[in-house]
Amino acid sequence: KPEETAIYFCNVKGVTDPTADSRDYWGQGTQVTVSS
Protein backbone atom coordinates (compact mmCIF):
# COMPACT_ATOMS: atom_id res chain seq x y z
CA LYS A 1 0.00 0.00 0.00
CA PRO A 2 1.15 3.60 -0.58
CA GLU A 3 1.03 4.22 3.19
CA GLU A 4 3.81 1.64 3.56
CA THR A 5 6.32 3.84 1.78
CA ALA A 6 9.16 4.03 4.30
CA ILE A 7 12.76 3.28 5.06
CA TYR A 8 12.94 -0.32 6.23
CA PHE A 9 15.63 -1.15 8.81
CA CYS A 10 16.97 -4.59 9.62
CA ASN A 11 17.37 -5.28 13.34
CA VAL A 12 19.24 -8.07 15.12
CA LYS A 13 19.03 -8.91 18.80
CA GLY A 14 22.06 -10.86 19.92
CA VAL A 15 25.47 -10.91 21.57
CA THR A 16 29.13 -10.89 20.57
CA ASP A 17 30.17 -11.88 24.10
CA PRO A 18 28.39 -14.92 25.59
CA THR A 19 28.61 -13.40 29.08
CA ALA A 20 26.84 -10.17 28.08
CA ASP A 21 23.19 -9.16 27.83
CA SER A 22 21.51 -9.02 24.44
CA ARG A 23 21.75 -5.78 22.49
CA ASP A 24 20.38 -4.35 19.24
CA TYR A 25 22.28 -4.08 15.95
CA TRP A 26 20.96 -2.03 13.03
CA GLY A 27 21.28 -1.96 9.27
CA GLN A 28 21.56 1.29 7.33
CA GLY A 29 18.04 1.00 5.93
CA THR A 30 16.61 0.37 2.47
CA GLN A 31 14.02 2.61 0.81
CA VAL A 32 10.66 1.11 -0.18
CA THR A 33 8.42 3.37 -2.28
CA VAL A 34 4.86 2.32 -3.15
CA SER A 35 3.42 4.65 -5.77
CA SER A 36 1.47 4.78 -9.02
PDB file of all heavy atoms in Angstrom:
ATOM      1  N   LYS A   1       0.830  -1.197   0.000  1.00  0.00           N
ATOM      2  CA  LYS A   1       0.000   0.000   0.000  1.00  0.00           C
ATOM      3  C   LYS A   1       0.867   1.250   0.000  1.00  0.00           C
ATOM      4  O   LYS A   1       1.970   1.244   0.541  1.00  0.00           O
ATOM      5  CB  LYS A   1      -0.898   0.011   1.245  1.00  0.00           C
ATOM      6  CG  LYS A   1      -1.759  -1.225   1.402  1.00  0.00           C
ATOM      7  CD  LYS A   1      -2.497  -1.202   2.732  1.00  0.00           C
ATOM      8  CE  LYS A   1      -3.342  -2.441   2.906  1.00  0.00           C
ATOM      9  NZ  LYS A   1      -4.056  -2.439   4.202  1.00  0.00           N
ATOM     10  N   PRO A   2       0.370   2.361  -0.580  1.00  0.00           N
ATOM     11  CA  PRO A   2       1.153   3.604  -0.580  1.00  0.00           C
ATOM     12  C   PRO A   2       1.563   4.060   0.819  1.00  0.00           C
ATOM     13  O   PRO A   2       2.651   4.633   0.979  1.00  0.00           O
ATOM     14  CB  PRO A   2       0.206   4.614  -1.231  1.00  0.00           C
ATOM     15  CG  PRO A   2      -0.650   3.782  -2.129  1.00  0.00           C
ATOM     16  CD  PRO A   2      -0.858   2.495  -1.387  1.00  0.00           C
ATOM     17  N   GLU A   3       0.721   3.823   1.818  1.00  0.00           N
ATOM     18  CA  GLU A   3       1.027   4.218   3.187  1.00  0.00           C
ATOM     19  C   GLU A   3       2.231   3.475   3.762  1.00  0.00           C
ATOM     20  O   GLU A   3       2.749   3.878   4.803  1.00  0.00           O
ATOM     21  CB  GLU A   3      -0.170   3.960   4.107  1.00  0.00           C
ATOM     22  CG  GLU A   3      -1.510   4.434   3.572  1.00  0.00           C
ATOM     23  CD  GLU A   3      -2.189   3.376   2.735  1.00  0.00           C
ATOM     24  OE1 GLU A   3      -2.819   2.464   3.315  1.00  0.00           O
ATOM     25  OE2 GLU A   3      -2.109   3.463   1.494  1.00  0.00           O
ATOM     26  N   GLU A   4       2.663   2.419   3.090  1.00  0.00           N
ATOM     27  CA  GLU A   4       3.807   1.643   3.562  1.00  0.00           C
ATOM     28  C   GLU A   4       5.125   2.097   2.952  1.00  0.00           C
ATOM     29  O   GLU A   4       6.153   1.450   3.161  1.00  0.00           O
ATOM     30  CB  GLU A   4       3.553   0.157   3.309  1.00  0.00           C
ATOM     31  CG  GLU A   4       2.417  -0.344   4.188  1.00  0.00           C
ATOM     32  CD  GLU A   4       1.945  -1.743   3.889  1.00  0.00           C
ATOM     33  OE1 GLU A   4       1.836  -2.109   2.689  1.00  0.00           O
ATOM     34  OE2 GLU A   4       1.675  -2.480   4.856  1.00  0.00           O
ATOM     35  N   THR A   5       5.089   3.201   2.221  1.00  0.00           N
ATOM     36  CA  THR A   5       6.324   3.841   1.784  1.00  0.00           C
ATOM     37  C   THR A   5       7.121   4.260   3.014  1.00  0.00           C
ATOM     38  O   THR A   5       6.615   4.973   3.874  1.00  0.00           O
ATOM     39  CB  THR A   5       6.021   5.063   0.909  1.00  0.00           C
ATOM     40  OG1 THR A   5       5.435   4.640  -0.324  1.00  0.00           O
ATOM     41  CG2 THR A   5       7.288   5.850   0.609  1.00  0.00           C
ATOM     42  N   ALA A   6       8.359   3.796   3.105  1.00  0.00           N
ATOM     43  CA  ALA A   6       9.162   4.034   4.299  1.00  0.00           C
ATOM     44  C   ALA A   6      10.583   3.543   4.072  1.00  0.00           C
ATOM     45  O   ALA A   6      10.869   2.854   3.091  1.00  0.00           O
ATOM     46  CB  ALA A   6       8.561   3.302   5.501  1.00  0.00           C
ATOM     47  N   ILE A   7      11.459   3.920   4.987  1.00  0.00           N
ATOM     48  CA  ILE A   7      12.761   3.283   5.058  1.00  0.00           C
ATOM     49  C   ILE A   7      12.611   2.070   5.965  1.00  0.00           C
ATOM     50  O   ILE A   7      12.108   2.188   7.084  1.00  0.00           O
ATOM     51  CB  ILE A   7      13.843   4.228   5.609  1.00  0.00           C
ATOM     52  CG1 ILE A   7      13.959   5.472   4.733  1.00  0.00           C
ATOM     53  CG2 ILE A   7      15.187   3.513   5.679  1.00  0.00           C
ATOM     54  CD1 ILE A   7      14.901   6.525   5.289  1.00  0.00           C
ATOM     55  N   TYR A   8      13.037   0.921   5.484  1.00  0.00           N
ATOM     56  CA  TYR A   8      12.939  -0.318   6.233  1.00  0.00           C
ATOM     57  C   TYR A   8      14.314  -0.672   6.795  1.00  0.00           C
ATOM     58  O   TYR A   8      15.298  -0.745   6.052  1.00  0.00           O
ATOM     59  CB  TYR A   8      12.418  -1.445   5.348  1.00  0.00           C
ATOM     60  CG  TYR A   8      10.932  -1.344   5.086  1.00  0.00           C
ATOM     61  CD1 TYR A   8      10.420  -0.318   4.304  1.00  0.00           C
ATOM     62  CD2 TYR A   8      10.043  -2.263   5.632  1.00  0.00           C
ATOM     63  CE1 TYR A   8       9.057  -0.202   4.085  1.00  0.00           C
ATOM     64  CE2 TYR A   8       8.678  -2.160   5.405  1.00  0.00           C
ATOM     65  CZ  TYR A   8       8.190  -1.128   4.632  1.00  0.00           C
ATOM     66  OH  TYR A   8       6.837  -1.028   4.413  1.00  0.00           O
ATOM     67  N   PHE A   9      14.383  -0.884   8.114  1.00  0.00           N
ATOM     68  CA  PHE A   9      15.628  -1.151   8.812  1.00  0.00           C
ATOM     69  C   PHE A   9      15.668  -2.583   9.334  1.00  0.00           C
ATOM     70  O   PHE A   9      14.750  -3.014  10.031  1.00  0.00           O
ATOM     71  CB  PHE A   9      15.801  -0.208  10.006  1.00  0.00           C
ATOM     72  CG  PHE A   9      15.918   1.243   9.645  1.00  0.00           C
ATOM     73  CD1 PHE A   9      14.805   2.051   9.597  1.00  0.00           C
ATOM     74  CD2 PHE A   9      17.158   1.797   9.362  1.00  0.00           C
ATOM     75  CE1 PHE A   9      14.901   3.390   9.272  1.00  0.00           C
ATOM     76  CE2 PHE A   9      17.277   3.140   9.039  1.00  0.00           C
ATOM     77  CZ  PHE A   9      16.145   3.933   8.992  1.00  0.00           C
ATOM     78  N   CYS A  10      16.731  -3.288   9.027  1.00  0.00           N
ATOM     79  CA  CYS A  10      16.967  -4.594   9.620  1.00  0.00           C
ATOM     80  C   CYS A  10      17.438  -4.422  11.061  1.00  0.00           C
ATOM     81  O   CYS A  10      18.209  -3.510  11.364  1.00  0.00           O
ATOM     82  CB  CYS A  10      18.017  -5.348   8.809  1.00  0.00           C
ATOM     83  SG  CYS A  10      18.371  -7.018   9.394  1.00  0.00           S
ATOM     84  N   ASN A  11      16.986  -5.302  11.935  1.00  0.00           N
ATOM     85  CA  ASN A  11      17.373  -5.278  13.344  1.00  0.00           C
ATOM     86  C   ASN A  11      17.713  -6.682  13.813  1.00  0.00           C
ATOM     87  O   ASN A  11      16.990  -7.628  13.509  1.00  0.00           O
ATOM     88  CB  ASN A  11      16.237  -4.697  14.193  1.00  0.00           C
ATOM     89  CG  ASN A  11      16.514  -4.783  15.679  1.00  0.00           C
ATOM     90  OD1 ASN A  11      16.112  -5.736  16.344  1.00  0.00           O
ATOM     91  ND2 ASN A  11      17.209  -3.779  16.203  1.00  0.00           N
ATOM     92  N   VAL A  12      18.819  -6.798  14.540  1.00  0.00           N
ATOM     93  CA  VAL A  12      19.237  -8.073  15.117  1.00  0.00           C
ATOM     94  C   VAL A  12      19.384  -7.915  16.617  1.00  0.00           C
ATOM     95  O   VAL A  12      19.993  -6.947  17.088  1.00  0.00           O
ATOM     96  CB  VAL A  12      20.561  -8.564  14.506  1.00  0.00           C
ATOM     97  CG1 VAL A  12      21.133  -9.726  15.303  1.00  0.00           C
ATOM     98  CG2 VAL A  12      20.357  -8.970  13.057  1.00  0.00           C
ATOM     99  N   LYS A  13      18.845  -8.851  17.354  1.00  0.00           N
ATOM    100  CA  LYS A  13      19.026  -8.912  18.804  1.00  0.00           C
ATOM    101  C   LYS A  13      19.935 -10.097  19.099  1.00  0.00           C
ATOM    102  O   LYS A  13      19.585 -11.240  18.814  1.00  0.00           O
ATOM    103  CB  LYS A  13      17.684  -9.066  19.504  1.00  0.00           C
ATOM    104  CG  LYS A  13      16.721  -7.935  19.165  1.00  0.00           C
ATOM    105  CD  LYS A  13      15.394  -8.074  19.884  1.00  0.00           C
ATOM    106  CE  LYS A  13      14.390  -7.049  19.391  1.00  0.00           C
ATOM    107  NZ  LYS A  13      14.852  -5.654  19.567  1.00  0.00           N
ATOM    108  N   GLY A  14      21.110  -9.807  19.662  1.00  0.00           N
ATOM    109  CA  GLY A  14      22.064 -10.863  19.916  1.00  0.00           C
ATOM    110  C   GLY A  14      23.243 -10.382  20.725  1.00  0.00           C
ATOM    111  O   GLY A  14      23.224  -9.285  21.285  1.00  0.00           O
ATOM    112  N   VAL A  15      24.279 -11.219  20.778  1.00  0.00           N
ATOM    113  CA  VAL A  15      25.470 -10.909  21.567  1.00  0.00           C
ATOM    114  C   VAL A  15      26.730 -11.268  20.798  1.00  0.00           C
ATOM    115  O   VAL A  15      26.744 -12.193  19.985  1.00  0.00           O
ATOM    116  CB  VAL A  15      25.476 -11.659  22.919  1.00  0.00           C
ATOM    117  CG1 VAL A  15      24.338 -11.181  23.809  1.00  0.00           C
ATOM    118  CG2 VAL A  15      25.386 -13.167  22.704  1.00  0.00           C
ATOM    119  N   THR A  16      27.798 -10.536  21.050  1.00  0.00           N
ATOM    120  CA  THR A  16      29.125 -10.894  20.573  1.00  0.00           C
ATOM    121  C   THR A  16      29.949 -11.542  21.678  1.00  0.00           C
ATOM    122  O   THR A  16      30.924 -12.231  21.408  1.00  0.00           O
ATOM    123  CB  THR A  16      29.880  -9.662  20.048  1.00  0.00           C
ATOM    124  OG1 THR A  16      29.931  -8.659  21.070  1.00  0.00           O
ATOM    125  CG2 THR A  16      29.159  -9.082  18.830  1.00  0.00           C
ATOM    126  N   ASP A  17      29.541 -11.310  22.911  1.00  0.00           N
ATOM    127  CA  ASP A  17      30.174 -11.877  24.096  1.00  0.00           C
ATOM    128  C   ASP A  17      29.135 -12.743  24.807  1.00  0.00           C
ATOM    129  O   ASP A  17      28.092 -12.232  25.219  1.00  0.00           O
ATOM    130  CB  ASP A  17      30.654 -10.751  25.012  1.00  0.00           C
ATOM    131  CG  ASP A  17      31.334 -11.249  26.276  1.00  0.00           C
ATOM    132  OD1 ASP A  17      31.254 -12.445  26.581  1.00  0.00           O
ATOM    133  OD2 ASP A  17      31.947 -10.409  26.971  1.00  0.00           O
ATOM    134  N   PRO A  18      29.401 -14.039  24.984  1.00  0.00           N
ATOM    135  CA  PRO A  18      28.394 -14.921  25.588  1.00  0.00           C
ATOM    136  C   PRO A  18      28.057 -14.597  27.031  1.00  0.00           C
ATOM    137  O   PRO A  18      27.056 -15.092  27.552  1.00  0.00           O
ATOM    138  CB  PRO A  18      29.028 -16.316  25.465  1.00  0.00           C
ATOM    139  CG  PRO A  18      30.496 -16.063  25.367  1.00  0.00           C
ATOM    140  CD  PRO A  18      30.622 -14.783  24.604  1.00  0.00           C
ATOM    141  N   THR A  19      28.870 -13.783  27.689  1.00  0.00           N
ATOM    142  CA  THR A  19      28.608 -13.402  29.077  1.00  0.00           C
ATOM    143  C   THR A  19      27.777 -12.129  29.187  1.00  0.00           C
ATOM    144  O   THR A  19      27.382 -11.748  30.295  1.00  0.00           O
ATOM    145  CB  THR A  19      29.919 -13.195  29.848  1.00  0.00           C
ATOM    146  OG1 THR A  19      30.617 -12.057  29.330  1.00  0.00           O
ATOM    147  CG2 THR A  19      30.807 -14.430  29.734  1.00  0.00           C
ATOM    148  N   ALA A  20      27.517 -11.460  28.073  1.00  0.00           N
ATOM    149  CA  ALA A  20      26.840 -10.173  28.084  1.00  0.00           C
ATOM    150  C   ALA A  20      25.339 -10.307  27.837  1.00  0.00           C
ATOM    151  O   ALA A  20      24.854 -11.335  27.358  1.00  0.00           O
ATOM    152  CB  ALA A  20      27.444  -9.252  27.032  1.00  0.00           C
ATOM    153  N   ASP A  21      24.613  -9.229  28.159  1.00  0.00           N
ATOM    154  CA  ASP A  21      23.194  -9.165  27.831  1.00  0.00           C
ATOM    155  C   ASP A  21      23.002  -8.896  26.345  1.00  0.00           C
ATOM    156  O   ASP A  21      23.878  -8.346  25.676  1.00  0.00           O
ATOM    157  CB  ASP A  21      22.518  -8.043  28.627  1.00  0.00           C
ATOM    158  CG  ASP A  21      22.450  -8.325  30.105  1.00  0.00           C
ATOM    159  OD1 ASP A  21      22.437  -9.508  30.494  1.00  0.00           O
ATOM    160  OD2 ASP A  21      22.406  -7.353  30.890  1.00  0.00           O
ATOM    161  N   SER A  22      21.839  -9.267  25.833  1.00  0.00           N
ATOM    162  CA  SER A  22      21.508  -9.021  24.443  1.00  0.00           C
ATOM    163  C   SER A  22      21.454  -7.522  24.155  1.00  0.00           C
ATOM    164  O   SER A  22      21.069  -6.718  25.003  1.00  0.00           O
ATOM    165  CB  SER A  22      20.162  -9.658  24.106  1.00  0.00           C
ATOM    166  OG  SER A  22      19.803  -9.406  22.766  1.00  0.00           O
ATOM    167  N   ARG A  23      21.844  -7.152  22.941  1.00  0.00           N
ATOM    168  CA  ARG A  23      21.753  -5.777  22.490  1.00  0.00           C
ATOM    169  C   ARG A  23      21.244  -5.740  21.052  1.00  0.00           C
ATOM    170  O   ARG A  23      21.164  -6.770  20.380  1.00  0.00           O
ATOM    171  CB  ARG A  23      23.094  -5.053  22.595  1.00  0.00           C
ATOM    172  CG  ARG A  23      24.205  -5.665  21.770  1.00  0.00           C
ATOM    173  CD  ARG A  23      25.243  -4.626  21.402  1.00  0.00           C
ATOM    174  NE  ARG A  23      24.728  -3.683  20.424  1.00  0.00           N
ATOM    175  CZ  ARG A  23      25.415  -2.657  19.932  1.00  0.00           C
ATOM    176  NH1 ARG A  23      26.650  -2.424  20.353  1.00  0.00           N
ATOM    177  NH2 ARG A  23      24.867  -1.863  19.034  1.00  0.00           N
ATOM    178  N   ASP A  24      20.910  -4.543  20.583  1.00  0.00           N
ATOM    179  CA  ASP A  24      20.385  -4.347  19.240  1.00  0.00           C
ATOM    180  C   ASP A  24      21.477  -3.916  18.270  1.00  0.00           C
ATOM    181  O   ASP A  24      22.320  -3.082  18.592  1.00  0.00           O
ATOM    182  CB  ASP A  24      19.292  -3.278  19.241  1.00  0.00           C
ATOM    183  CG  ASP A  24      18.012  -3.753  19.882  1.00  0.00           C
ATOM    184  OD1 ASP A  24      17.491  -4.802  19.445  1.00  0.00           O
ATOM    185  OD2 ASP A  24      17.523  -3.075  20.800  1.00  0.00           O
ATOM    186  N   TYR A  25      21.430  -4.483  17.066  1.00  0.00           N
ATOM    187  CA  TYR A  25      22.278  -4.079  15.954  1.00  0.00           C
ATOM    188  C   TYR A  25      21.377  -3.657  14.802  1.00  0.00           C
ATOM    189  O   TYR A  25      20.324  -4.258  14.574  1.00  0.00           O
ATOM    190  CB  TYR A  25      23.191  -5.223  15.521  1.00  0.00           C
ATOM    191  CG  TYR A  25      24.101  -5.707  16.623  1.00  0.00           C
ATOM    192  CD1 TYR A  25      23.714  -6.740  17.466  1.00  0.00           C
ATOM    193  CD2 TYR A  25      25.348  -5.114  16.832  1.00  0.00           C
ATOM    194  CE1 TYR A  25      24.541  -7.177  18.487  1.00  0.00           C
ATOM    195  CE2 TYR A  25      26.181  -5.546  17.854  1.00  0.00           C
ATOM    196  CZ  TYR A  25      25.770  -6.574  18.675  1.00  0.00           C
ATOM    197  OH  TYR A  25      26.595  -7.004  19.690  1.00  0.00           O
ATOM    198  N   TRP A  26      21.808  -2.635  14.056  1.00  0.00           N
ATOM    199  CA  TRP A  26      20.960  -2.031  13.030  1.00  0.00           C
ATOM    200  C   TRP A  26      21.632  -1.986  11.668  1.00  0.00           C
ATOM    201  O   TRP A  26      22.832  -1.723  11.563  1.00  0.00           O
ATOM    202  CB  TRP A  26      20.597  -0.598  13.425  1.00  0.00           C
ATOM    203  CG  TRP A  26      19.726  -0.520  14.639  1.00  0.00           C
ATOM    204  CD1 TRP A  26      20.137  -0.382  15.933  1.00  0.00           C
ATOM    205  CD2 TRP A  26      18.302  -0.579  14.666  1.00  0.00           C
ATOM    206  NE1 TRP A  26      19.045  -0.346  16.772  1.00  0.00           N
ATOM    207  CE2 TRP A  26      17.911  -0.466  16.020  1.00  0.00           C
ATOM    208  CE3 TRP A  26      17.320  -0.706  13.687  1.00  0.00           C
ATOM    209  CZ2 TRP A  26      16.572  -0.480  16.408  1.00  0.00           C
ATOM    210  CZ3 TRP A  26      15.995  -0.726  14.076  1.00  0.00           C
ATOM    211  CH2 TRP A  26      15.639  -0.606  15.425  1.00  0.00           C
ATOM    212  N   GLY A  27      20.835  -2.217  10.621  1.00  0.00           N
ATOM    213  CA  GLY A  27      21.278  -1.962   9.269  1.00  0.00           C
ATOM    214  C   GLY A  27      21.137  -0.490   8.927  1.00  0.00           C
ATOM    215  O   GLY A  27      20.586   0.301   9.702  1.00  0.00           O
ATOM    216  N   GLN A  28      21.610  -0.104   7.756  1.00  0.00           N
ATOM    217  CA  GLN A  28      21.562   1.288   7.325  1.00  0.00           C
ATOM    218  C   GLN A  28      20.201   1.694   6.779  1.00  0.00           C
ATOM    219  O   GLN A  28      19.912   2.883   6.659  1.00  0.00           O
ATOM    220  CB  GLN A  28      22.641   1.554   6.268  1.00  0.00           C
ATOM    221  CG  GLN A  28      24.053   1.451   6.800  1.00  0.00           C
ATOM    222  CD  GLN A  28      24.319   2.452   7.900  1.00  0.00           C
ATOM    223  OE1 GLN A  28      24.144   3.665   7.718  1.00  0.00           O
ATOM    224  NE2 GLN A  28      24.730   1.953   9.065  1.00  0.00           N
ATOM    225  N   GLY A  29      19.360   0.731   6.457  1.00  0.00           N
ATOM    226  CA  GLY A  29      18.042   0.997   5.933  1.00  0.00           C
ATOM    227  C   GLY A  29      17.989   0.886   4.420  1.00  0.00           C
ATOM    228  O   GLY A  29      18.955   1.196   3.732  1.00  0.00           O
ATOM    229  N   THR A  30      16.845   0.445   3.912  1.00  0.00           N
ATOM    230  CA  THR A  30      16.611   0.375   2.473  1.00  0.00           C
ATOM    231  C   THR A  30      15.260   1.010   2.165  1.00  0.00           C
ATOM    232  O   THR A  30      14.273   0.771   2.859  1.00  0.00           O
ATOM    233  CB  THR A  30      16.687  -1.084   1.963  1.00  0.00           C
ATOM    234  OG1 THR A  30      16.541  -1.109   0.540  1.00  0.00           O
ATOM    235  CG2 THR A  30      15.622  -1.964   2.595  1.00  0.00           C
ATOM    236  N   GLN A  31      15.218   1.856   1.140  1.00  0.00           N
ATOM    237  CA  GLN A  31      14.016   2.608   0.806  1.00  0.00           C
ATOM    238  C   GLN A  31      13.028   1.733   0.051  1.00  0.00           C
ATOM    239  O   GLN A  31      13.374   1.080  -0.931  1.00  0.00           O
ATOM    240  CB  GLN A  31      14.370   3.833  -0.041  1.00  0.00           C
ATOM    241  CG  GLN A  31      13.158   4.656  -0.490  1.00  0.00           C
ATOM    242  CD  GLN A  31      12.500   5.399   0.645  1.00  0.00           C
ATOM    243  OE1 GLN A  31      13.191   6.018   1.462  1.00  0.00           O
ATOM    244  NE2 GLN A  31      11.180   5.341   0.715  1.00  0.00           N
ATOM    245  N   VAL A  32      11.775   1.737   0.519  1.00  0.00           N
ATOM    246  CA  VAL A  32      10.663   1.113  -0.183  1.00  0.00           C
ATOM    247  C   VAL A  32       9.664   2.207  -0.530  1.00  0.00           C
ATOM    248  O   VAL A  32       9.175   2.906   0.358  1.00  0.00           O
ATOM    249  CB  VAL A  32       9.986   0.018   0.666  1.00  0.00           C
ATOM    250  CG1 VAL A  32       8.701  -0.471  -0.006  1.00  0.00           C
ATOM    251  CG2 VAL A  32      10.940  -1.138   0.894  1.00  0.00           C
ATOM    252  N   THR A  33       9.372   2.361  -1.818  1.00  0.00           N
ATOM    253  CA  THR A  33       8.425   3.368  -2.276  1.00  0.00           C
ATOM    254  C   THR A  33       7.285   2.685  -3.017  1.00  0.00           C
ATOM    255  O   THR A  33       7.520   1.967  -3.994  1.00  0.00           O
ATOM    256  CB  THR A  33       9.104   4.397  -3.189  1.00  0.00           C
ATOM    257  OG1 THR A  33      10.189   5.022  -2.497  1.00  0.00           O
ATOM    258  CG2 THR A  33       8.110   5.461  -3.632  1.00  0.00           C
ATOM    259  N   VAL A  34       6.058   2.902  -2.547  1.00  0.00           N
ATOM    260  CA  VAL A  34       4.864   2.318  -3.146  1.00  0.00           C
ATOM    261  C   VAL A  34       4.063   3.460  -3.768  1.00  0.00           C
ATOM    262  O   VAL A  34       3.483   4.277  -3.050  1.00  0.00           O
ATOM    263  CB  VAL A  34       4.013   1.557  -2.124  1.00  0.00           C
ATOM    264  CG1 VAL A  34       2.863   0.846  -2.823  1.00  0.00           C
ATOM    265  CG2 VAL A  34       4.875   0.564  -1.355  1.00  0.00           C
ATOM    266  N   SER A  35       4.031   3.519  -5.086  1.00  0.00           N
ATOM    267  CA  SER A  35       3.422   4.653  -5.769  1.00  0.00           C
ATOM    268  C   SER A  35       3.001   4.284  -7.178  1.00  0.00           C
ATOM    269  O   SER A  35       3.631   3.457  -7.836  1.00  0.00           O
ATOM    270  CB  SER A  35       4.408   5.824  -5.830  1.00  0.00           C
ATOM    271  OG  SER A  35       3.871   6.923  -6.546  1.00  0.00           O
ATOM    272  N   SER A  36       1.914   4.936  -7.651  1.00  0.00           N
ATOM    273  CA  SER A  36       1.470   4.784  -9.023  1.00  0.00           C
ATOM    274  C   SER A  36       2.249   5.691  -9.968  1.00  0.00           C
ATOM    275  O   SER A  36       2.166   5.563 -11.172  1.00  0.00           O
ATOM    276  CB  SER A  36      -0.019   5.118  -9.147  1.00  0.00           C
ATOM    277  OG  SER A  36      -0.812   4.252  -8.374  1.00  0.00           O
TER     278      SER A  36
END
